[in-house]
Amino acid sequence: MMLMPGFSAGYVGTKFRLCIALSISLLLIPFLSDKLPNVSDNFGTNLSILLIEITYGVFIGIFMQILMFAIDLGGNLAGQAIGFSNAQMFDPAFNQQSIIINTFLSLTALTIIFITDLHHLMLSAAIESYSILPVGGEIMTQDIAKTIAQVVNKSFIIGFKLGSPFVAFAIVFYVGMGLLSRLMPQLNIFFLSMPLQIYLGLGLVCITSSTIIIWFCKYYEDALQMFLK
């Protein structure tokens, strides 16, 4: 709960987050009691189980955060392509300063995730982890490393695809401005290019933002369902 997207945001109070985690834990005890080992008299054994479970919890939280990095990468590409690289504001979804377009896309995606109940899949992943990663067993280091590597690779590809319209726009725009400056050397190209770049870039954001959010949410849902399988 300390690392899940949305729940880990800076605007969610720590006490409120801990109350959610405690409530979910109390609700799940009757359903997961058969999957929990008996308490051992050996302190070392209990400590080992606790540390392994914390590691699994961190792994699940990081897994979900890496999925969110796809929209972060797409937003960064969009912001830089339309000239907003220096227009930054605090992004509560990632608890850091981000390009304003990136903040808009990440907050919109996070809102859609909760509106469409995709956060139920996030909670299901935490619950099903007791079946996928049994309590008391050896820590699956290789499987965790392999899963993290795969999701990082996939998120990078999806993020680049989300930002690809803006990459294409930047290439076409700068090539066009370069040709215009060669054809009309007397034209103040810098005075013309900046407002035109922002105007066309914001138009492209309006056209593509809905598709970007839908595509990302579909990727987020598929990735969580793959984890549950």
C-alpha atoms as a PDB file:
ATOM      1  CA  MET A   1       0.000   0.000   0.000  1.00  0.00           C
ATOM      2  CA  MET A   2       2.976   2.328   0.501  1.00  0.00           C
ATOM      3  CA  LEU A   3       4.060   1.833  -3.123  1.00  0.00           C
ATOM      4  CA  MET A   4       0.836   1.236  -5.094  1.00  0.00           C
ATOM      5  CA  PRO A   5      -0.005   3.992  -7.611  1.00  0.00           C
ATOM      6  CA  GLY A   6      -2.665   6.306  -6.236  1.00  0.00           C
ATOM      7  CA  PHE A   7      -2.407   4.986  -2.688  1.00  0.00           C
ATOM      8  CA  SER A   8       1.231   6.076  -2.443  1.00  0.00           C
ATOM      9  CA  ALA A   9       0.587   9.597  -3.789  1.00  0.00           C
ATOM     10  CA  GLY A  10       1.748  12.527  -1.700  1.00  0.00           C
ATOM     11  CA  TYR A  11      -1.789  13.848  -1.193  1.00  0.00           C
ATOM     12  CA  VAL A  12      -2.851  10.605   0.561  1.00  0.00           C
ATOM     13  CA  GLY A  13      -2.092  10.939   4.251  1.00  0.00           C
ATOM     14  CA  THR A  14       0.144   8.328   5.871  1.00  0.00           C
ATOM     15  CA  LYS A  15      -2.417   7.578   8.589  1.00  0.00           C
ATOM     16  CA  PHE A  16      -5.165   7.138   6.004  1.00  0.00           C
ATOM     17  CA  ARG A  17      -2.947   4.819   3.951  1.00  0.00           C
ATOM     18  CA  LEU A  18      -2.079   2.732   7.004  1.00  0.00           C
ATOM     19  CA  CYS A  19      -5.777   2.521   7.941  1.00  0.00           C
ATOM     20  CA  ILE A  20      -6.580   1.166   4.466  1.00  0.00           C
ATOM     21  CA  ALA A  21      -3.765  -1.396   4.734  1.00  0.00           C
ATOM     22  CA  LEU A  22      -4.892  -2.490   8.215  1.00  0.00           C
ATOM     23  CA  SER A  23      -8.545  -2.763   7.145  1.00  0.00           C
ATOM     24  CA  ILE A  24      -7.675  -4.872   4.102  1.00  0.00           C
ATOM     25  CA  SER A  25      -5.419  -7.095   6.226  1.00  0.00           C
ATOM     26  CA  LEU A  26      -8.178  -7.728   8.772  1.00  0.00           C
ATOM     27  CA  LEU A  27     -10.679  -8.529   6.011  1.00  0.00           C
ATOM     28  CA  LEU A  28      -8.318 -10.989   4.330  1.00  0.00           C
ATOM     29  CA  ILE A  29      -7.281 -12.959   7.414  1.00  0.00           C
ATOM     30  CA  PRO A  30     -10.298 -15.373   7.270  1.00  0.00           C
ATOM     31  CA  PHE A  31      -9.759 -16.031   3.555  1.00  0.00           C
ATOM     32  CA  LEU A  32      -5.969 -16.435   3.673  1.00  0.00           C
ATOM     33  CA  SER A  33      -5.572 -18.192   7.018  1.00  0.00           C
ATOM     34  CA  ASP A  34      -5.034 -21.568   5.322  1.00  0.00           C
ATOM     35  CA  LYS A  35      -2.147 -20.105   3.297  1.00  0.00           C
ATOM     36  CA  LEU A  36      -0.339 -18.639   6.300  1.00  0.00           C
ATOM     37  CA  PRO A  37       2.183 -20.802   8.210  1.00  0.00           C
ATOM     38  CA  ASN A  38       1.951 -21.414  11.916  1.00  0.00           C
ATOM     39  CA  VAL A  39       3.926 -19.094  14.130  1.00  0.00           C
ATOM     40  CA  SER A  40       7.267 -20.662  14.967  1.00  0.00           C
ATOM     41  CA  ASP A  41       9.024 -20.500  18.318  1.00  0.00           C
ATOM     42  CA  ASN A  42      12.215 -19.675  16.445  1.00  0.00           C
ATOM     43  CA  PHE A  43      12.671 -15.906  16.176  1.00  0.00           C
ATOM     44  CA  GLY A  44      15.024 -16.279  13.201  1.00  0.00           C
ATOM     45  CA  THR A  45      12.418 -18.218  11.209  1.00  0.00           C
ATOM     46  CA  ASN A  46       9.696 -15.656  11.914  1.00  0.00           C
ATOM     47  CA  LEU A  47      12.036 -12.794  10.990  1.00  0.00           C
ATOM     48  CA  SER A  48      13.012 -14.540   7.743  1.00  0.00           C
ATOM     49  CA  ILE A  49       9.346 -15.010   6.752  1.00  0.00           C
ATOM     50  CA  LEU A  50       8.610 -11.360   7.602  1.00  0.00           C
ATOM     51  CA  LEU A  51      11.515 -10.047   5.506  1.00  0.00           C
ATOM     52  CA  ILE A  52      10.563 -12.248   2.541  1.00  0.00           C
ATOM     53  CA  GLU A  53       6.951 -11.005   2.701  1.00  0.00           C
ATOM     54  CA  ILE A  54       8.146  -7.392   2.839  1.00  0.00           C
ATOM     55  CA  THR A  55      10.305  -8.098  -0.211  1.00  0.00           C
ATOM     56  CA  TYR A  56       7.316  -9.508  -2.080  1.00  0.00           C
ATOM     57  CA  GLY A  57       5.227  -6.480  -1.106  1.00  0.00           C
ATOM     58  CA  VAL A  58       7.917  -4.099  -2.357  1.00  0.00           C
ATOM     59  CA  PHE A  59       8.182  -6.126  -5.573  1.00  0.00           C
ATOM     60  CA  ILE A  60       4.417  -5.898  -6.248  1.00  0.00           C
ATOM     61  CA  GLY A  61       4.400  -2.163  -5.517  1.00  0.00           C
ATOM     62  CA  ILE A  62       7.420  -1.499  -7.746  1.00  0.00           C
ATOM     63  CA  PHE A  63       5.850  -3.654 -10.480  1.00  0.00           C
ATOM     64  CA  MET A  64       2.791  -1.385 -10.508  1.00  0.00           C
ATOM     65  CA  GLN A  65       4.894   1.775 -10.361  1.00  0.00           C
ATOM     66  CA  ILE A  66       6.940   0.639 -13.372  1.00  0.00           C
ATOM     67  CA  LEU A  67       3.691   0.201 -15.305  1.00  0.00           C
ATOM     68  CA  MET A  68       2.917   3.853 -14.555  1.00  0.00           C
ATOM     69  CA  PHE A  69       6.308   4.918 -15.935  1.00  0.00           C
ATOM     70  CA  ALA A  70       4.934   4.263 -19.444  1.00  0.00           C
ATOM     71  CA  ILE A  71       2.608   7.272 -19.197  1.00  0.00           C
ATOM     72  CA  ASP A  72       5.428   9.225 -17.552  1.00  0.00           C
ATOM     73  CA  LEU A  73       7.731   8.606 -20.520  1.00  0.00           C
ATOM     74  CA  GLY A  74       4.991   9.421 -23.021  1.00  0.00           C
ATOM     75  CA  GLY A  75       4.212  12.678 -21.204  1.00  0.00           C
ATOM     76  CA  ASN A  76       7.877  13.674 -21.121  1.00  0.00           C
ATOM     77  CA  LEU A  77       8.236  13.095 -24.852  1.00  0.00           C
ATOM     78  CA  ALA A  78       5.085  15.126 -25.480  1.00  0.00           C
ATOM     79  CA  GLY A  79       6.177  18.008 -23.257  1.00  0.00           C
ATOM     80  CA  GLN A  80       9.628  18.268 -24.805  1.00  0.00           C
ATOM     81  CA  ALA A  81       8.272  18.033 -28.350  1.00  0.00           C
ATOM     82  CA  ILE A  82       5.902  20.981 -27.936  1.00  0.00           C
ATOM     83  CA  GLY A  83       8.398  23.180 -26.075  1.00  0.00           C
ATOM     84  CA  PHE A  84       7.166  22.740 -22.502  1.00  0.00           C
ATOM     85  CA  SER A  85      10.355  21.199 -21.115  1.00  0.00           C
ATOM     86  CA  ASN A  86      10.816  24.122 -18.698  1.00  0.00           C
ATOM     87  CA  ALA A  87       7.119  24.425 -17.794  1.00  0.00           C
ATOM     88  CA  GLN A  88       7.055  22.147 -14.762  1.00  0.00           C
ATOM     89  CA  MET A  89       4.810  21.622 -11.772  1.00  0.00           C
ATOM     90  CA  PHE A  90       4.553  19.145  -8.915  1.00  0.00           C
ATOM     91  CA  ASP A  91       3.172  15.795 -10.029  1.00  0.00           C
ATOM     92  CA  PRO A  92       1.402  14.169  -7.045  1.00  0.00           C
ATOM     93  CA  ALA A  93       1.151  10.839  -8.878  1.00  0.00           C
ATOM     94  CA  PHE A  94       4.962  10.467  -8.856  1.00  0.00           C
ATOM     95  CA  ASN A  95       5.827  12.876  -5.996  1.00  0.00           C
ATOM     96  CA  GLN A  96       8.235  14.909  -8.134  1.00  0.00           C
ATOM     97  CA  GLN A  97       8.480  17.906 -10.429  1.00  0.00           C
ATOM     98  CA  SER A  98       7.313  16.996 -13.941  1.00  0.00           C
ATOM     99  CA  ILE A  99       6.542  18.680 -17.230  1.00  0.00           C
ATOM    100  CA  ILE A 100       3.027  20.092 -17.080  1.00  0.00           C
ATOM    101  CA  ILE A 101       1.807  17.858 -19.938  1.00  0.00           C
ATOM    102  CA  ASN A 102       3.255  14.855 -18.120  1.00  0.00           C
ATOM    103  CA  THR A 103       1.395  15.846 -14.936  1.00  0.00           C
ATOM    104  CA  PHE A 104      -1.850  16.238 -16.865  1.00  0.00           C
ATOM    105  CA  LEU A 105      -1.560  12.806 -18.505  1.00  0.00           C
ATOM    106  CA  SER A 106      -0.479  10.963 -15.348  1.00  0.00           C
ATOM    107  CA  LEU A 107      -3.251  12.458 -13.205  1.00  0.00           C
ATOM    108  CA  THR A 108      -5.827  11.744 -15.915  1.00  0.00           C
ATOM    109  CA  ALA A 109      -4.613   8.143 -16.247  1.00  0.00           C
ATOM    110  CA  LEU A 110      -4.682   7.679 -12.460  1.00  0.00           C
ATOM    111  CA  THR A 111      -8.208   9.092 -12.302  1.00  0.00           C
ATOM    112  CA  ILE A 112      -9.406   6.734 -15.061  1.00  0.00           C
ATOM    113  CA  ILE A 113      -7.790   3.788 -13.250  1.00  0.00           C
ATOM    114  CA  PHE A 114      -9.907   4.463 -10.152  1.00  0.00           C
ATOM    115  CA  ILE A 115     -13.061   5.394 -12.071  1.00  0.00           C
ATOM    116  CA  THR A 116     -12.971   2.149 -14.085  1.00  0.00           C
ATOM    117  CA  ASP A 117     -12.153   0.065 -10.967  1.00  0.00           C
ATOM    118  CA  LEU A 118      -8.751  -1.003 -12.279  1.00  0.00           C
ATOM    119  CA  HIS A 119      -7.487  -0.461  -8.738  1.00  0.00           C
ATOM    120  CA  HIS A 120      -9.442  -3.620  -7.873  1.00  0.00           C
ATOM    121  CA  LEU A 121      -6.912  -5.503 -10.016  1.00  0.00           C
ATOM    122  CA  MET A 122      -4.139  -3.894  -8.008  1.00  0.00           C
ATOM    123  CA  LEU A 123      -5.676  -5.191  -4.785  1.00  0.00           C
ATOM    124  CA  SER A 124      -6.318  -8.589  -6.435  1.00  0.00           C
ATOM    125  CA  ALA A 125      -2.631  -8.793  -7.319  1.00  0.00           C
ATOM    126  CA  ALA A 126      -1.719  -8.273  -3.662  1.00  0.00           C
ATOM    127  CA  ILE A 127      -4.228 -10.956  -2.587  1.00  0.00           C
ATOM    128  CA  GLU A 128      -3.290 -13.481  -5.258  1.00  0.00           C
ATOM    129  CA  SER A 129       0.385 -13.053  -4.401  1.00  0.00           C
ATOM    130  CA  TYR A 130      -0.227 -15.447  -1.498  1.00  0.00           C
ATOM    131  CA  SER A 131      -0.961 -18.156  -4.085  1.00  0.00           C
ATOM    132  CA  ILE A 132       1.669 -17.087  -6.621  1.00  0.00           C
ATOM    133  CA  LEU A 133       4.369 -16.464  -3.992  1.00  0.00           C
ATOM    134  CA  PRO A 134       3.629 -18.871  -1.102  1.00  0.00           C
ATOM    135  CA  VAL A 135       4.370 -17.712   2.438  1.00  0.00           C
ATOM    136  CA  GLY A 136       7.257 -19.550   4.071  1.00  0.00           C
ATOM    137  CA  GLY A 137       8.882 -20.661   0.831  1.00  0.00           C
ATOM    138  CA  GLU A 138      12.225 -19.596  -0.561  1.00  0.00           C
ATOM    139  CA  ILE A 139      12.397 -16.159  -2.106  1.00  0.00           C
ATOM    140  CA  MET A 140      12.115 -16.349  -5.910  1.00  0.00           C
ATOM    141  CA  THR A 141      14.960 -13.990  -6.752  1.00  0.00           C
ATOM    142  CA  GLN A 142      15.353 -15.060 -10.387  1.00  0.00           C
ATOM    143  CA  ASP A 143      11.624 -14.850 -11.112  1.00  0.00           C
ATOM    144  CA  ILE A 144      11.408 -11.386  -9.531  1.00  0.00           C
ATOM    145  CA  ALA A 145      14.417 -10.106 -11.491  1.00  0.00           C
ATOM    146  CA  LYS A 146      13.076 -11.579 -14.742  1.00  0.00           C
ATOM    147  CA  THR A 147       9.614 -10.057 -14.199  1.00  0.00           C
ATOM    148  CA  ILE A 148      11.046  -6.617 -13.378  1.00  0.00           C
ATOM    149  CA  ALA A 149      13.281  -6.699 -16.470  1.00  0.00           C
ATOM    150  CA  GLN A 150      10.362  -7.682 -18.703  1.00  0.00           C
ATOM    151  CA  VAL A 151       8.006  -5.015 -17.368  1.00  0.00           C
ATOM    152  CA  VAL A 152      10.690  -2.300 -17.625  1.00  0.00           C
ATOM    153  CA  ASN A 153      11.286  -3.249 -21.249  1.00  0.00           C
ATOM    154  CA  LYS A 154       7.554  -3.351 -22.020  1.00  0.00           C
ATOM    155  CA  SER A 155       6.848  -0.048 -20.251  1.00  0.00           C
ATOM    156  CA  PHE A 156       9.630   1.676 -22.185  1.00  0.00           C
ATOM    157  CA  ILE A 157       8.233   0.408 -25.488  1.00  0.00           C
ATOM    158  CA  ILE A 158       4.658   1.424 -24.590  1.00  0.00           C
ATOM    159  CA  GLY A 159       5.825   4.816 -23.330  1.00  0.00           C
ATOM    160  CA  PHE A 160       7.689   5.497 -26.560  1.00  0.00           C
ATOM    161  CA  LYS A 161       4.623   4.443 -28.565  1.00  0.00           C
ATOM    162  CA  LEU A 162       2.438   6.789 -26.507  1.00  0.00           C
ATOM    163  CA  GLY A 163       4.795   9.656 -27.249  1.00  0.00           C
ATOM    164  CA  SER A 164       5.497   8.694 -30.878  1.00  0.00           C
ATOM    165  CA  PRO A 165       2.983  11.214 -32.383  1.00  0.00           C
ATOM    166  CA  PHE A 166       4.877  14.006 -30.648  1.00  0.00           C
ATOM    167  CA  VAL A 167       8.259  12.670 -31.737  1.00  0.00           C
ATOM    168  CA  ALA A 168       7.016  12.636 -35.341  1.00  0.00           C
ATOM    169  CA  PHE A 169       5.581  16.129 -34.866  1.00  0.00           C
ATOM    170  CA  ALA A 170       8.900  17.462 -33.552  1.00  0.00           C
ATOM    171  CA  ILE A 171      10.848  15.958 -36.471  1.00  0.00           C
ATOM    172  CA  VAL A 172       8.472  17.359 -39.088  1.00  0.00           C
ATOM    173  CA  PHE A 173       8.248  20.750 -37.382  1.00  0.00           C
ATOM    174  CA  TYR A 174      11.997  21.285 -36.986  1.00  0.00           C
ATOM    175  CA  VAL A 175      12.700  20.079 -40.522  1.00  0.00           C
ATOM    176  CA  GLY A 176      10.039  22.495 -41.809  1.00  0.00           C
ATOM    177  CA  MET A 177      11.470  25.387 -39.802  1.00  0.00           C
ATOM    178  CA  GLY A 178      14.949  24.550 -41.059  1.00  0.00           C
ATOM    179  CA  LEU A 179      13.811  24.582 -44.674  1.00  0.00           C
ATOM    180  CA  LEU A 180      11.912  27.828 -44.110  1.00  0.00           C
ATOM    181  CA  SER A 181      14.988  29.510 -42.627  1.00  0.00           C
ATOM    182  CA  ARG A 182      17.041  28.479 -45.662  1.00  0.00           C
ATOM    183  CA  LEU A 183      14.410  29.665 -48.133  1.00  0.00           C
ATOM    184  CA  MET A 184      13.799  32.960 -46.303  1.00  0.00           C
ATOM    185  CA  PRO A 185      17.006  33.948 -44.444  1.00  0.00           C
ATOM    186  CA  GLN A 186      15.566  37.364 -43.560  1.00  0.00           C
ATOM    187  CA  LEU A 187      12.724  35.760 -41.570  1.00  0.00           C
ATOM    188  CA  ASN A 188      13.190  35.701 -37.782  1.00  0.00           C
ATOM    189  CA  ILE A 189      12.635  31.969 -37.464  1.00  0.00           C
ATOM    190  CA  PHE A 190      12.948  31.871 -33.646  1.00  0.00           C
ATOM    191  CA  PHE A 191      10.226  34.508 -33.238  1.00  0.00           C
ATOM    192  CA  LEU A 192       7.898  32.472 -35.445  1.00  0.00           C
ATOM    193  CA  SER A 193       8.709  28.912 -34.384  1.00  0.00           C
ATOM    194  CA  MET A 194       8.060  29.041 -30.621  1.00  0.00           C
ATOM    195  CA  PRO A 195       4.396  30.201 -30.624  1.00  0.00           C
ATOM    196  CA  LEU A 196       3.657  28.036 -33.660  1.00  0.00           C
ATOM    197  CA  GLN A 197       5.225  24.997 -31.967  1.00  0.00           C
ATOM    198  CA  ILE A 198       3.156  25.526 -28.806  1.00  0.00           C
ATOM    199  CA  TYR A 199      -0.047  26.171 -30.750  1.00  0.00           C
ATOM    200  CA  LEU A 200       0.294  23.084 -32.956  1.00  0.00           C
ATOM    201  CA  GLY A 201       1.579  20.968 -30.068  1.00  0.00           C
ATOM    202  CA  LEU A 202      -1.384  21.775 -27.826  1.00  0.00           C
ATOM    203  CA  GLY A 203      -3.698  20.973 -30.726  1.00  0.00           C
ATOM    204  CA  LEU A 204      -2.003  17.599 -31.057  1.00  0.00           C
ATOM    205  CA  VAL A 205      -2.430  17.024 -27.298  1.00  0.00           C
ATOM    206  CA  CYS A 206      -6.164  17.711 -27.589  1.00  0.00           C
ATOM    207  CA  ILE A 207      -6.452  15.273 -30.493  1.00  0.00           C
ATOM    208  CA  THR A 208      -4.375  12.414 -29.062  1.00  0.00           C
ATOM    209  CA  SER A 209      -4.823  12.633 -25.266  1.00  0.00           C
ATOM    210  CA  SER A 210      -7.974  10.473 -25.151  1.00  0.00           C
ATOM    211  CA  THR A 211      -6.342   7.775 -27.291  1.00  0.00           C
ATOM    212  CA  ILE A 212      -3.181   7.886 -25.160  1.00  0.00           C
ATOM    213  CA  ILE A 213      -5.146   7.417 -21.926  1.00  0.00           C
ATOM    214  CA  ILE A 214      -7.273   4.573 -23.337  1.00  0.00           C
ATOM    215  CA  TRP A 215      -4.206   2.806 -24.745  1.00  0.00           C
ATOM    216  CA  PHE A 216      -2.315   3.160 -21.459  1.00  0.00           C
ATOM    217  CA  CYS A 217      -5.233   1.909 -19.341  1.00  0.00           C
ATOM    218  CA  LYS A 218      -5.571  -1.103 -21.636  1.00  0.00           C
ATOM    219  CA  TYR A 219      -1.859  -1.829 -21.222  1.00  0.00           C
ATOM    220  CA  TYR A 220      -2.149  -1.405 -17.434  1.00  0.00           C
ATOM    221  CA  GLU A 221      -5.081  -3.825 -17.258  1.00  0.00           C
ATOM    222  CA  ASP A 222      -3.412  -6.424 -19.470  1.00  0.00           C
ATOM    223  CA  ALA A 223      -0.168  -6.277 -17.480  1.00  0.00           C
ATOM    224  CA  LEU A 224      -1.984  -6.794 -14.147  1.00  0.00           C
ATOM    225  CA  GLN A 225      -4.042  -9.650 -15.564  1.00  0.00           C
ATOM    226  CA  MET A 226      -0.851 -11.257 -16.873  1.00  0.00           C
ATOM    227  CA  PHE A 227       0.622 -10.981 -13.376  1.00  0.00           C
ATOM    228  CA  LEU A 228      -2.448 -12.629 -11.863  1.00  0.00           C
ATOM    229  CA  LYS A 229      -2.149 -15.532 -14.310  1.00  0.00           C
END
